[in-house]
Amino acid sequence: IDLVPENIPLDIVYEDRHLIVVDKHAGLVVHPTAS
């Protein structure tokens, strides 16, 4: 994929090498779209 990793602050609630749980804030779109 040609998506660019971005250093956007995340509120991480839990993480290990298998999965991650985050507390999403308002205004943050979950995944990119074509536009």
PDB file of all heavy atoms in Angstrom:
ATOM      1  N   ILE A   1       0.834  -1.189   0.000  1.00  0.00           N
ATOM      2  CA  ILE A   1       0.000   0.000   0.000  1.00  0.00           C
ATOM      3  C   ILE A   1       0.875   1.247   0.000  1.00  0.00           C
ATOM      4  O   ILE A   1       2.027   1.223   0.435  1.00  0.00           O
ATOM      5  CB  ILE A   1      -0.936   0.017   1.224  1.00  0.00           C
ATOM      6  CG1 ILE A   1      -0.119  -0.072   2.531  1.00  0.00           C
ATOM      7  CG2 ILE A   1      -1.925  -1.119   1.164  1.00  0.00           C
ATOM      8  CD1 ILE A   1      -0.953   0.031   3.777  1.00  0.00           C
ATOM      9  N   ASP A   2       0.297   2.313  -0.534  1.00  0.00           N
ATOM     10  CA  ASP A   2       1.065   3.544  -0.600  1.00  0.00           C
ATOM     11  C   ASP A   2       0.626   4.543   0.467  1.00  0.00           C
ATOM     12  O   ASP A   2       0.871   5.732   0.346  1.00  0.00           O
ATOM     13  CB  ASP A   2       0.943   4.173  -1.997  1.00  0.00           C
ATOM     14  CG  ASP A   2      -0.495   4.507  -2.354  1.00  0.00           C
ATOM     15  OD1 ASP A   2      -1.394   4.215  -1.530  1.00  0.00           O
ATOM     16  OD2 ASP A   2      -0.727   5.063  -3.442  1.00  0.00           O
ATOM     17  N   LEU A   3      -0.035   4.032   1.503  1.00  0.00           N
ATOM     18  CA  LEU A   3      -0.429   4.908   2.602  1.00  0.00           C
ATOM     19  C   LEU A   3       0.811   5.332   3.377  1.00  0.00           C
ATOM     20  O   LEU A   3       1.733   4.540   3.583  1.00  0.00           O
ATOM     21  CB  LEU A   3      -1.408   4.196   3.532  1.00  0.00           C
ATOM     22  CG  LEU A   3      -2.749   3.772   2.907  1.00  0.00           C
ATOM     23  CD1 LEU A   3      -3.600   3.065   3.941  1.00  0.00           C
ATOM     24  CD2 LEU A   3      -3.479   4.978   2.355  1.00  0.00           C
ATOM     25  N   VAL A   4       0.803   6.564   3.828  1.00  0.00           N
ATOM     26  CA  VAL A   4       1.965   7.114   4.526  1.00  0.00           C
ATOM     27  C   VAL A   4       1.774   6.994   6.037  1.00  0.00           C
ATOM     28  O   VAL A   4       0.789   7.496   6.571  1.00  0.00           O
ATOM     29  CB  VAL A   4       2.156   8.597   4.148  1.00  0.00           C
ATOM     30  CG1 VAL A   4       3.330   9.186   4.914  1.00  0.00           C
ATOM     31  CG2 VAL A   4       2.344   8.738   2.646  1.00  0.00           C
ATOM     32  N   PRO A   5       2.686   6.314   6.745  1.00  0.00           N
ATOM     33  CA  PRO A   5       2.614   6.311   8.204  1.00  0.00           C
ATOM     34  C   PRO A   5       2.753   7.740   8.740  1.00  0.00           C
ATOM     35  O   PRO A   5       3.602   8.504   8.264  1.00  0.00           O
ATOM     36  CB  PRO A   5       3.810   5.448   8.614  1.00  0.00           C
ATOM     37  CG  PRO A   5       4.117   4.615   7.406  1.00  0.00           C
ATOM     38  CD  PRO A   5       3.791   5.491   6.238  1.00  0.00           C
ATOM     39  N   GLU A   6       1.925   8.105   9.696  1.00  0.00           N
ATOM     40  CA  GLU A   6       1.954   9.453  10.240  1.00  0.00           C
ATOM     41  C   GLU A   6       2.037   9.404  11.759  1.00  0.00           C
ATOM     42  O   GLU A   6       1.348   8.605  12.405  1.00  0.00           O
ATOM     43  CB  GLU A   6       0.706  10.231   9.810  1.00  0.00           C
ATOM     44  CG  GLU A   6       0.608  10.466   8.314  1.00  0.00           C
ATOM     45  CD  GLU A   6      -0.638  11.243   7.951  1.00  0.00           C
ATOM     46  OE1 GLU A   6      -0.763  12.417   8.363  1.00  0.00           O
ATOM     47  OE2 GLU A   6      -1.510  10.676   7.262  1.00  0.00           O
ATOM     48  N   ASN A   7       2.834  10.280  12.305  1.00  0.00           N
ATOM     49  CA  ASN A   7       3.017  10.336  13.758  1.00  0.00           C
ATOM     50  C   ASN A   7       1.867  11.115  14.398  1.00  0.00           C
ATOM     51  O   ASN A   7       2.033  12.221  14.889  1.00  0.00           O
ATOM     52  CB  ASN A   7       4.364  10.980  14.092  1.00  0.00           C
ATOM     53  CG  ASN A   7       4.686  10.881  15.573  1.00  0.00           C
ATOM     54  OD1 ASN A   7       4.009  10.164  16.320  1.00  0.00           O
ATOM     55  ND2 ASN A   7       5.707  11.594  16.003  1.00  0.00           N
ATOM     56  N   ILE A   8       0.694  10.499  14.375  1.00  0.00           N
ATOM     57  CA  ILE A   8      -0.497  11.075  14.979  1.00  0.00           C
ATOM     58  C   ILE A   8      -0.627  10.496  16.383  1.00  0.00           C
ATOM     59  O   ILE A   8      -0.613   9.274  16.559  1.00  0.00           O
ATOM     60  CB  ILE A   8      -1.745  10.737  14.146  1.00  0.00           C
ATOM     61  CG1 ILE A   8      -1.611  11.296  12.733  1.00  0.00           C
ATOM     62  CG2 ILE A   8      -3.012  11.276  14.815  1.00  0.00           C
ATOM     63  CD1 ILE A   8      -2.684  10.803  11.779  1.00  0.00           C
ATOM     64  N   PRO A   9      -0.748  11.331  17.419  1.00  0.00           N
ATOM     65  CA  PRO A   9      -0.840  10.804  18.787  1.00  0.00           C
ATOM     66  C   PRO A   9      -2.016   9.856  18.963  1.00  0.00           C
ATOM     67  O   PRO A   9      -3.108  10.105  18.463  1.00  0.00           O
ATOM     68  CB  PRO A   9      -1.029  12.080  19.628  1.00  0.00           C
ATOM     69  CG  PRO A   9      -0.474  13.182  18.802  1.00  0.00           C
ATOM     70  CD  PRO A   9      -0.764  12.806  17.381  1.00  0.00           C
ATOM     71  N   LEU A  10      -1.768   8.750  19.647  1.00  0.00           N
ATOM     72  CA  LEU A  10      -2.799   7.765  19.932  1.00  0.00           C
ATOM     73  C   LEU A  10      -2.947   7.591  21.437  1.00  0.00           C
ATOM     74  O   LEU A  10      -1.946   7.585  22.172  1.00  0.00           O
ATOM     75  CB  LEU A  10      -2.440   6.412  19.314  1.00  0.00           C
ATOM     76  CG  LEU A  10      -2.488   6.292  17.789  1.00  0.00           C
ATOM     77  CD1 LEU A  10      -1.952   4.921  17.365  1.00  0.00           C
ATOM     78  CD2 LEU A  10      -3.898   6.493  17.267  1.00  0.00           C
ATOM     79  N   ASP A  11      -4.183   7.431  21.890  1.00  0.00           N
ATOM     80  CA  ASP A  11      -4.438   7.104  23.288  1.00  0.00           C
ATOM     81  C   ASP A  11      -4.534   5.584  23.365  1.00  0.00           C
ATOM     82  O   ASP A  11      -5.585   4.995  23.119  1.00  0.00           O
ATOM     83  CB  ASP A  11      -5.732   7.774  23.748  1.00  0.00           C
ATOM     84  CG  ASP A  11      -5.979   7.603  25.242  1.00  0.00           C
ATOM     85  OD1 ASP A  11      -5.213   6.853  25.886  1.00  0.00           O
ATOM     86  OD2 ASP A  11      -6.932   8.205  25.760  1.00  0.00           O
ATOM     87  N   ILE A  12      -3.417   4.937  23.695  1.00  0.00           N
ATOM     88  CA  ILE A  12      -3.346   3.472  23.688  1.00  0.00           C
ATOM     89  C   ILE A  12      -3.781   2.925  25.045  1.00  0.00           C
ATOM     90  O   ILE A  12      -3.217   3.273  26.090  1.00  0.00           O
ATOM     91  CB  ILE A  12      -1.927   3.004  23.344  1.00  0.00           C
ATOM     92  CG1 ILE A  12      -1.547   3.496  21.943  1.00  0.00           C
ATOM     93  CG2 ILE A  12      -1.827   1.477  23.423  1.00  0.00           C
ATOM     94  CD1 ILE A  12      -0.094   3.287  21.592  1.00  0.00           C
ATOM     95  N   VAL A  13      -4.789   2.069  25.024  1.00  0.00           N
ATOM     96  CA  VAL A  13      -5.328   1.478  26.246  1.00  0.00           C
ATOM     97  C   VAL A  13      -4.658   0.136  26.542  1.00  0.00           C
ATOM     98  O   VAL A  13      -4.427  -0.230  27.690  1.00  0.00           O
ATOM     99  CB  VAL A  13      -6.853   1.293  26.106  1.00  0.00           C
ATOM    100  CG1 VAL A  13      -7.445   0.612  27.338  1.00  0.00           C
ATOM    101  CG2 VAL A  13      -7.533   2.642  25.865  1.00  0.00           C
ATOM    102  N   TYR A  14      -4.336  -0.610  25.475  1.00  0.00           N
ATOM    103  CA  TYR A  14      -3.703  -1.923  25.624  1.00  0.00           C
ATOM    104  C   TYR A  14      -2.956  -2.230  24.337  1.00  0.00           C
ATOM    105  O   TYR A  14      -3.410  -1.883  23.246  1.00  0.00           O
ATOM    106  CB  TYR A  14      -4.761  -3.007  25.877  1.00  0.00           C
ATOM    107  CG  TYR A  14      -4.206  -4.415  25.898  1.00  0.00           C
ATOM    108  CD1 TYR A  14      -3.694  -4.963  27.061  1.00  0.00           C
ATOM    109  CD2 TYR A  14      -4.195  -5.194  24.734  1.00  0.00           C
ATOM    110  CE1 TYR A  14      -3.174  -6.250  27.075  1.00  0.00           C
ATOM    111  CE2 TYR A  14      -3.680  -6.485  24.738  1.00  0.00           C
ATOM    112  CZ  TYR A  14      -3.167  -7.002  25.917  1.00  0.00           C
ATOM    113  OH  TYR A  14      -2.642  -8.274  25.938  1.00  0.00           O
ATOM    114  N   GLU A  15      -1.815  -2.920  24.485  1.00  0.00           N
ATOM    115  CA  GLU A  15      -1.078  -3.341  23.299  1.00  0.00           C
ATOM    116  C   GLU A  15      -0.177  -4.515  23.624  1.00  0.00           C
ATOM    117  O   GLU A  15       0.441  -4.581  24.691  1.00  0.00           O
ATOM    118  CB  GLU A  15      -0.234  -2.183  22.742  1.00  0.00           C
ATOM    119  CG  GLU A  15       0.506  -2.544  21.461  1.00  0.00           C
ATOM    120  CD  GLU A  15       1.338  -1.391  20.903  1.00  0.00           C
ATOM    121  OE1 GLU A  15       1.556  -0.409  21.637  1.00  0.00           O
ATOM    122  OE2 GLU A  15       1.770  -1.475  19.736  1.00  0.00           O
ATOM    123  N   ASP A  16      -0.145  -5.475  22.701  1.00  0.00           N
ATOM    124  CA  ASP A  16       0.872  -6.514  22.729  1.00  0.00           C
ATOM    125  C   ASP A  16       1.259  -6.801  21.282  1.00  0.00           C
ATOM    126  O   ASP A  16       0.901  -6.041  20.388  1.00  0.00           O
ATOM    127  CB  ASP A  16       0.390  -7.775  23.482  1.00  0.00           C
ATOM    128  CG  ASP A  16      -0.845  -8.420  22.853  1.00  0.00           C
ATOM    129  OD1 ASP A  16      -1.097  -8.208  21.649  1.00  0.00           O
ATOM    130  OD2 ASP A  16      -1.558  -9.144  23.569  1.00  0.00           O
ATOM    131  N   ARG A  17       1.997  -7.871  21.030  1.00  0.00           N
ATOM    132  CA  ARG A  17       2.481  -8.100  19.671  1.00  0.00           C
ATOM    133  C   ARG A  17       1.396  -8.638  18.740  1.00  0.00           C
ATOM    134  O   ARG A  17       1.630  -8.791  17.541  1.00  0.00           O
ATOM    135  CB  ARG A  17       3.683  -9.039  19.676  1.00  0.00           C
ATOM    136  CG  ARG A  17       3.430 -10.416  20.207  1.00  0.00           C
ATOM    137  CD  ARG A  17       4.735 -11.152  20.415  1.00  0.00           C
ATOM    138  NE  ARG A  17       4.552 -12.515  20.900  1.00  0.00           N
ATOM    139  CZ  ARG A  17       4.474 -13.572  20.119  1.00  0.00           C
ATOM    140  NH1 ARG A  17       4.565 -13.429  18.803  1.00  0.00           N
ATOM    141  NH2 ARG A  17       4.303 -14.784  20.618  1.00  0.00           N
ATOM    142  N   HIS A  18       0.189  -8.885  19.289  1.00  0.00           N
ATOM    143  CA  HIS A  18      -0.893  -9.437  18.491  1.00  0.00           C
ATOM    144  C   HIS A  18      -1.973  -8.408  18.129  1.00  0.00           C
ATOM    145  O   HIS A  18      -2.580  -8.503  17.066  1.00  0.00           O
ATOM    146  CB  HIS A  18      -1.552 -10.609  19.222  1.00  0.00           C
ATOM    147  CG  HIS A  18      -0.590 -11.665  19.652  1.00  0.00           C
ATOM    148  ND1 HIS A  18       0.014 -12.529  18.761  1.00  0.00           N
ATOM    149  CD2 HIS A  18      -0.101 -11.983  20.890  1.00  0.00           C
ATOM    150  CE1 HIS A  18       0.822 -13.343  19.420  1.00  0.00           C
ATOM    151  NE2 HIS A  18       0.779 -13.039  20.695  1.00  0.00           N
ATOM    152  N   LEU A  19      -2.208  -7.469  19.023  1.00  0.00           N
ATOM    153  CA  LEU A  19      -3.305  -6.525  18.807  1.00  0.00           C
ATOM    154  C   LEU A  19      -3.075  -5.246  19.596  1.00  0.00           C
ATOM    155  O   LEU A  19      -2.171  -5.157  20.435  1.00  0.00           O
ATOM    156  CB  LEU A  19      -4.644  -7.167  19.187  1.00  0.00           C
ATOM    157  CG  LEU A  19      -4.801  -7.676  20.637  1.00  0.00           C
ATOM    158  CD1 LEU A  19      -5.367  -6.600  21.547  1.00  0.00           C
ATOM    159  CD2 LEU A  19      -5.720  -8.903  20.675  1.00  0.00           C
ATOM    160  N   ILE A  20      -3.909  -4.261  19.315  1.00  0.00           N
ATOM    161  CA  ILE A  20      -3.834  -2.978  20.001  1.00  0.00           C
ATOM    162  C   ILE A  20      -5.257  -2.458  20.213  1.00  0.00           C
ATOM    163  O   ILE A  20      -6.135  -2.656  19.366  1.00  0.00           O
ATOM    164  CB  ILE A  20      -2.985  -1.966  19.192  1.00  0.00           C
ATOM    165  CG1 ILE A  20      -2.819  -0.645  19.965  1.00  0.00           C
ATOM    166  CG2 ILE A  20      -3.575  -1.724  17.813  1.00  0.00           C
ATOM    167  CD1 ILE A  20      -1.812   0.302  19.315  1.00  0.00           C
ATOM    168  N   VAL A  21      -5.498  -1.845  21.374  1.00  0.00           N
ATOM    169  CA  VAL A  21      -6.779  -1.212  21.683  1.00  0.00           C
ATOM    170  C   VAL A  21      -6.518   0.267  21.917  1.00  0.00           C
ATOM    171  O   VAL A  21      -5.640   0.626  22.714  1.00  0.00           O
ATOM    172  CB  VAL A  21      -7.440  -1.832  22.931  1.00  0.00           C
ATOM    173  CG1 VAL A  21      -8.744  -1.088  23.284  1.00  0.00           C
ATOM    174  CG2 VAL A  21      -7.719  -3.318  22.708  1.00  0.00           C
ATOM    175  N   VAL A  22      -7.251   1.120  21.205  1.00  0.00           N
ATOM    176  CA  VAL A  22      -7.062   2.559  21.342  1.00  0.00           C
ATOM    177  C   VAL A  22      -8.369   3.226  21.742  1.00  0.00           C
ATOM    178  O   VAL A  22      -9.460   2.697  21.493  1.00  0.00           O
ATOM    179  CB  VAL A  22      -6.533   3.199  20.035  1.00  0.00           C
ATOM    180  CG1 VAL A  22      -5.197   2.610  19.650  1.00  0.00           C
ATOM    181  CG2 VAL A  22      -7.544   3.036  18.905  1.00  0.00           C
ATOM    182  N   ASP A  23      -8.248   4.385  22.363  1.00  0.00           N
ATOM    183  CA  ASP A  23      -9.393   5.220  22.717  1.00  0.00           C
ATOM    184  C   ASP A  23      -9.444   6.350  21.696  1.00  0.00           C
ATOM    185  O   ASP A  23      -8.661   7.296  21.764  1.00  0.00           O
ATOM    186  CB  ASP A  23      -9.202   5.760  24.143  1.00  0.00           C
ATOM    187  CG  ASP A  23     -10.484   6.324  24.728  1.00  0.00           C
ATOM    188  OD1 ASP A  23     -11.460   6.498  23.966  1.00  0.00           O
ATOM    189  OD2 ASP A  23     -10.514   6.603  25.950  1.00  0.00           O
ATOM    190  N   LYS A  24     -10.341   6.218  20.725  1.00  0.00           N
ATOM    191  CA  LYS A  24     -10.394   7.154  19.599  1.00  0.00           C
ATOM    192  C   LYS A  24     -11.052   8.469  19.992  1.00  0.00           C
ATOM    193  O   LYS A  24     -12.074   8.487  20.673  1.00  0.00           O
ATOM    194  CB  LYS A  24     -11.164   6.528  18.428  1.00  0.00           C
ATOM    195  CG  LYS A  24     -11.066   7.332  17.130  1.00  0.00           C
ATOM    196  CD  LYS A  24     -11.923   6.745  16.026  1.00  0.00           C
ATOM    197  CE  LYS A  24     -13.343   7.257  16.089  1.00  0.00           C
ATOM    198  NZ  LYS A  24     -13.465   8.698  15.775  1.00  0.00           N
ATOM    199  N   HIS A  25     -10.469   9.573  19.530  1.00  0.00           N
ATOM    200  CA  HIS A  25     -11.069  10.879  19.803  1.00  0.00           C
ATOM    201  C   HIS A  25     -11.977  11.307  18.663  1.00  0.00           C
ATOM    202  O   HIS A  25     -11.932  10.748  17.552  1.00  0.00           O
ATOM    203  CB  HIS A  25      -9.981  11.933  20.058  1.00  0.00           C
ATOM    204  CG  HIS A  25      -9.053  12.153  18.905  1.00  0.00           C
ATOM    205  ND1 HIS A  25      -9.408  12.831  17.759  1.00  0.00           N
ATOM    206  CD2 HIS A  25      -7.749  11.765  18.720  1.00  0.00           C
ATOM    207  CE1 HIS A  25      -8.397  12.877  16.928  1.00  0.00           C
ATOM    208  NE2 HIS A  25      -7.374  12.224  17.466  1.00  0.00           N
ATOM    209  N   ALA A  26     -12.802  12.282  18.909  1.00  0.00           N
ATOM    210  CA  ALA A  26     -13.731  12.781  17.895  1.00  0.00           C
ATOM    211  C   ALA A  26     -12.966  13.431  16.753  1.00  0.00           C
ATOM    212  O   ALA A  26     -11.909  14.038  16.950  1.00  0.00           O
ATOM    213  CB  ALA A  26     -14.695  13.793  18.513  1.00  0.00           C
ATOM    214  N   GLY A  27     -13.494  13.277  15.554  1.00  0.00           N
ATOM    215  CA  GLY A  27     -12.890  13.898  14.380  1.00  0.00           C
ATOM    216  C   GLY A  27     -11.866  13.041  13.680  1.00  0.00           C
ATOM    217  O   GLY A  27     -11.401  13.404  12.589  1.00  0.00           O
ATOM    218  N   LEU A  28     -11.495  11.906  14.267  1.00  0.00           N
ATOM    219  CA  LEU A  28     -10.496  11.031  13.659  1.00  0.00           C
ATOM    220  C   LEU A  28     -11.184   9.989  12.780  1.00  0.00           C
ATOM    221  O   LEU A  28     -11.931   9.136  13.272  1.00  0.00           O
ATOM    222  CB  LEU A  28      -9.665  10.335  14.737  1.00  0.00           C
ATOM    223  CG  LEU A  28      -8.539   9.419  14.250  1.00  0.00           C
ATOM    224  CD1 LEU A  28      -7.497  10.204  13.466  1.00  0.00           C
ATOM    225  CD2 LEU A  28      -7.884   8.694  15.435  1.00  0.00           C
ATOM    226  N   VAL A  29     -10.939  10.057  11.482  1.00  0.00           N
ATOM    227  CA  VAL A  29     -11.470   9.071  10.545  1.00  0.00           C
ATOM    228  C   VAL A  29     -10.703   7.765  10.733  1.00  0.00           C
ATOM    229  O   VAL A  29      -9.478   7.767  10.906  1.00  0.00           O
ATOM    230  CB  VAL A  29     -11.319   9.576   9.092  1.00  0.00           C
ATOM    231  CG1 VAL A  29     -11.761   8.510   8.094  1.00  0.00           C
ATOM    232  CG2 VAL A  29     -12.126  10.853   8.895  1.00  0.00           C
ATOM    233  N   VAL A  30     -11.410   6.634  10.701  1.00  0.00           N
ATOM    234  CA  VAL A  30     -10.758   5.356  10.996  1.00  0.00           C
ATOM    235  C   VAL A  30      -9.832   4.908   9.877  1.00  0.00           C
ATOM    236  O   VAL A  30      -8.681   4.548  10.123  1.00  0.00           O
ATOM    237  CB  VAL A  30     -11.814   4.273  11.301  1.00  0.00           C
ATOM    238  CG1 VAL A  30     -11.171   2.883  11.335  1.00  0.00           C
ATOM    239  CG2 VAL A  30     -12.483   4.562  12.639  1.00  0.00           C
ATOM    240  N   HIS A  31     -10.313   4.908   8.648  1.00  0.00           N
ATOM    241  CA  HIS A  31      -9.475   4.402   7.555  1.00  0.00           C
ATOM    242  C   HIS A  31      -9.544   5.327   6.351  1.00  0.00           C
ATOM    243  O   HIS A  31     -10.535   6.039   6.148  1.00  0.00           O
ATOM    244  CB  HIS A  31      -9.883   2.984   7.160  1.00  0.00           C
ATOM    245  CG  HIS A  31     -11.314   2.856   6.742  1.00  0.00           C
ATOM    246  ND1 HIS A  31     -11.778   3.276   5.512  1.00  0.00           N
ATOM    247  CD2 HIS A  31     -12.395   2.372   7.387  1.00  0.00           C
ATOM    248  CE1 HIS A  31     -13.059   3.044   5.420  1.00  0.00           C
ATOM    249  NE2 HIS A  31     -13.472   2.499   6.548  1.00  0.00           N
ATOM    250  N   PRO A  32      -8.517   5.317   5.530  1.00  0.00           N
ATOM    251  CA  PRO A  32      -8.508   6.171   4.339  1.00  0.00           C
ATOM    252  C   PRO A  32      -9.580   5.753   3.333  1.00  0.00           C
ATOM    253  O   PRO A  32     -10.071   4.628   3.348  1.00  0.00           O
ATOM    254  CB  PRO A  32      -7.108   5.964   3.749  1.00  0.00           C
ATOM    255  CG  PRO A  32      -6.300   5.390   4.861  1.00  0.00           C
ATOM    256  CD  PRO A  32      -7.253   4.575   5.676  1.00  0.00           C
ATOM    257  N   THR A  33      -9.904   6.662   2.467  1.00  0.00           N
ATOM    258  CA  THR A  33     -10.763   6.375   1.325  1.00  0.00           C
ATOM    259  C   THR A  33      -9.999   6.784   0.069  1.00  0.00           C
ATOM    260  O   THR A  33      -8.871   7.279   0.160  1.00  0.00           O
ATOM    261  CB  THR A  33     -12.077   7.174   1.407  1.00  0.00           C
ATOM    262  OG1 THR A  33     -11.776   8.571   1.335  1.00  0.00           O
ATOM    263  CG2 THR A  33     -12.812   6.883   2.708  1.00  0.00           C
ATOM    264  N   ALA A  34     -10.613   6.599  -1.069  1.00  0.00           N
ATOM    265  CA  ALA A  34      -9.940   6.979  -2.310  1.00  0.00           C
ATOM    266  C   ALA A  34      -9.623   8.462  -2.341  1.00  0.00           C
ATOM    267  O   ALA A  34      -8.645   8.893  -2.966  1.00  0.00           O
ATOM    268  CB  ALA A  34     -10.815   6.598  -3.504  1.00  0.00           C
ATOM    269  N   SER A  35     -10.434   9.268  -1.633  1.00  0.00           N
ATOM    270  CA  SER A  35     -10.227  10.717  -1.656  1.00  0.00           C
ATOM    271  C   SER A  35      -9.517  11.251  -0.417  1.00  0.00           C
ATOM    272  O   SER A  35      -9.022  12.369  -0.413  1.00  0.00           O
ATOM    273  CB  SER A  35     -11.580  11.432  -1.805  1.00  0.00           C
ATOM    274  OG  SER A  35     -12.443  11.082  -0.737  1.00  0.00           O
TER     275      SER A  35
END
